[in-house]
């Protein structure tokens, strides 16, 4: 698999605060962003893979809803994660 458990715990440790805090919004957004980037690279090579295209659209929607949640809950956390991941270009 493209994301083993070691790199996943590192991802949650870096963005979620701790490796046990896998449910934090920041950790989930970071995980979704990693998966979105991976699927985007796959779709650049395989443009007719419609199942992956649908999965990518669903992931983008989930990440968007988590970002909307953070906007309503705590705007500073939202700004920090957007800046850290470089989501707005």
C-alpha atoms as a PDB file:
ATOM      1  CA  UNK A   1       0.000   0.000   0.000  1.00  0.00           C
ATOM      2  CA  UNK A   2       1.171   3.530  -0.651  1.00  0.00           C
ATOM      3  CA  UNK A   3       0.737   4.602   2.993  1.00  0.00           C
ATOM      4  CA  UNK A   4       2.080   2.231   5.646  1.00  0.00           C
ATOM      5  CA  UNK A   5       1.266   2.495   9.330  1.00  0.00           C
ATOM      6  CA  UNK A   6       4.587   4.141  10.232  1.00  0.00           C
ATOM      7  CA  UNK A   7       4.119   7.024   7.818  1.00  0.00           C
ATOM      8  CA  UNK A   8       0.484   7.347   8.849  1.00  0.00           C
ATOM      9  CA  UNK A   9       1.426   7.698  12.531  1.00  0.00           C
ATOM     10  CA  UNK A  10       4.084  10.253  11.563  1.00  0.00           C
ATOM     11  CA  UNK A  11       1.430  12.174   9.639  1.00  0.00           C
ATOM     12  CA  UNK A  12      -0.931  12.206  12.634  1.00  0.00           C
ATOM     13  CA  UNK A  13       1.910  13.117  14.995  1.00  0.00           C
ATOM     14  CA  UNK A  14       2.890  16.074  12.835  1.00  0.00           C
ATOM     15  CA  UNK A  15      -0.600  17.442  12.144  1.00  0.00           C
ATOM     16  CA  UNK A  16      -2.884  15.922  14.770  1.00  0.00           C
ATOM     17  CA  UNK A  17      -0.869  16.736  17.855  1.00  0.00           C
ATOM     18  CA  UNK A  18      -0.092  13.137  18.845  1.00  0.00           C
ATOM     19  CA  UNK A  19      -0.019   9.754  17.160  1.00  0.00           C
ATOM     20  CA  UNK A  20      -3.003   8.563  19.223  1.00  0.00           C
ATOM     21  CA  UNK A  21      -5.164  11.523  18.215  1.00  0.00           C
ATOM     22  CA  UNK A  22      -6.266  10.122  14.860  1.00  0.00           C
ATOM     23  CA  UNK A  23      -9.704  11.721  15.018  1.00  0.00           C
ATOM     24  CA  UNK A  24      -8.634  15.351  15.093  1.00  0.00           C
ATOM     25  CA  UNK A  25      -9.808  17.459  12.209  1.00  0.00           C
ATOM     26  CA  UNK A  26      -6.263  18.538  11.370  1.00  0.00           C
ATOM     27  CA  UNK A  27      -5.033  14.944  11.230  1.00  0.00           C
ATOM     28  CA  UNK A  28      -7.934  13.850   9.057  1.00  0.00           C
ATOM     29  CA  UNK A  29      -7.438  16.782   6.681  1.00  0.00           C
ATOM     30  CA  UNK A  30      -3.730  15.968   6.400  1.00  0.00           C
ATOM     31  CA  UNK A  31      -4.519  12.310   5.660  1.00  0.00           C
ATOM     32  CA  UNK A  32      -7.125  13.241   3.055  1.00  0.00           C
ATOM     33  CA  UNK A  33      -4.681  15.676   1.451  1.00  0.00           C
ATOM     34  CA  UNK A  34      -2.019  12.974   1.212  1.00  0.00           C
ATOM     35  CA  UNK A  35      -4.493  10.571  -0.390  1.00  0.00           C
ATOM     36  CA  UNK A  36      -5.807  13.266  -2.754  1.00  0.00           C
ATOM     37  CA  UNK A  37      -2.291  14.027  -3.950  1.00  0.00           C
ATOM     38  CA  UNK A  38      -1.627  10.321  -4.491  1.00  0.00           C
ATOM     39  CA  UNK A  39      -4.836   9.804  -6.476  1.00  0.00           C
ATOM     40  CA  UNK A  40      -4.199  12.943  -8.524  1.00  0.00           C
ATOM     41  CA  UNK A  41      -0.835  11.576  -9.632  1.00  0.00           C
ATOM     42  CA  UNK A  42      -2.488   8.270 -10.509  1.00  0.00           C
ATOM     43  CA  UNK A  43      -5.136  10.004 -12.586  1.00  0.00           C
ATOM     44  CA  UNK A  44      -2.515  11.952 -14.520  1.00  0.00           C
ATOM     45  CA  UNK A  45      -1.211   8.624 -15.816  1.00  0.00           C
ATOM     46  CA  UNK A  46      -4.571   6.829 -16.078  1.00  0.00           C
ATOM     47  CA  UNK A  47      -7.076   9.407 -17.209  1.00  0.00           C
ATOM     48  CA  UNK A  48      -9.858   6.922 -17.958  1.00  0.00           C
ATOM     49  CA  UNK A  49      -9.910   5.388 -14.486  1.00  0.00           C
ATOM     50  CA  UNK A  50     -13.374   6.586 -13.550  1.00  0.00           C
ATOM     51  CA  UNK A  51     -13.589   4.645 -10.282  1.00  0.00           C
ATOM     52  CA  UNK A  52     -10.521   6.453  -8.993  1.00  0.00           C
ATOM     53  CA  UNK A  53     -11.924   9.723 -10.271  1.00  0.00           C
ATOM     54  CA  UNK A  54     -15.071   9.192  -8.211  1.00  0.00           C
ATOM     55  CA  UNK A  55     -13.053   8.247  -5.136  1.00  0.00           C
ATOM     56  CA  UNK A  56     -11.013  11.420  -5.565  1.00  0.00           C
ATOM     57  CA  UNK A  57     -14.152  13.546  -5.780  1.00  0.00           C
ATOM     58  CA  UNK A  58     -15.511  11.948  -2.598  1.00  0.00           C
ATOM     59  CA  UNK A  59     -12.247  12.600  -0.751  1.00  0.00           C
ATOM     60  CA  UNK A  60     -12.212  16.224  -1.846  1.00  0.00           C
ATOM     61  CA  UNK A  61     -15.778  16.572  -0.560  1.00  0.00           C
ATOM     62  CA  UNK A  62     -14.894  15.037   2.798  1.00  0.00           C
ATOM     63  CA  UNK A  63     -11.872  17.302   3.167  1.00  0.00           C
ATOM     64  CA  UNK A  64     -13.979  20.328   2.213  1.00  0.00           C
ATOM     65  CA  UNK A  65     -16.588  19.489   4.852  1.00  0.00           C
ATOM     66  CA  UNK A  66     -13.898  19.110   7.521  1.00  0.00           C
ATOM     67  CA  UNK A  67     -12.398  22.440   6.495  1.00  0.00           C
ATOM     68  CA  UNK A  68     -15.845  24.039   6.705  1.00  0.00           C
ATOM     69  CA  UNK A  69     -16.256  22.540  10.186  1.00  0.00           C
ATOM     70  CA  UNK A  70     -12.930  24.025  11.272  1.00  0.00           C
ATOM     71  CA  UNK A  71     -13.911  27.403   9.838  1.00  0.00           C
ATOM     72  CA  UNK A  72     -17.027  27.481  11.990  1.00  0.00           C
ATOM     73  CA  UNK A  73     -15.390  25.988  15.078  1.00  0.00           C
ATOM     74  CA  UNK A  74     -11.996  27.725  15.235  1.00  0.00           C
ATOM     75  CA  UNK A  75     -10.801  29.988  12.426  1.00  0.00           C
ATOM     76  CA  UNK A  76      -7.207  30.054  13.714  1.00  0.00           C
ATOM     77  CA  UNK A  77      -6.885  26.262  13.501  1.00  0.00           C
ATOM     78  CA  UNK A  78      -8.317  26.460   9.970  1.00  0.00           C
ATOM     79  CA  UNK A  79      -5.799  29.088   8.895  1.00  0.00           C
ATOM     80  CA  UNK A  80      -2.935  27.135  10.458  1.00  0.00           C
ATOM     81  CA  UNK A  81      -3.753  23.854   8.694  1.00  0.00           C
ATOM     82  CA  UNK A  82      -4.363  25.554   5.343  1.00  0.00           C
ATOM     83  CA  UNK A  83      -1.018  27.321   5.586  1.00  0.00           C
ATOM     84  CA  UNK A  84       0.779  24.193   6.789  1.00  0.00           C
ATOM     85  CA  UNK A  85      -0.539  21.986   3.996  1.00  0.00           C
ATOM     86  CA  UNK A  86      -0.477  24.690   1.349  1.00  0.00           C
ATOM     87  CA  UNK A  87      -4.089  24.103   0.294  1.00  0.00           C
ATOM     88  CA  UNK A  88      -4.808  27.622  -0.972  1.00  0.00           C
ATOM     89  CA  UNK A  89      -2.642  28.628  -3.878  1.00  0.00           C
END
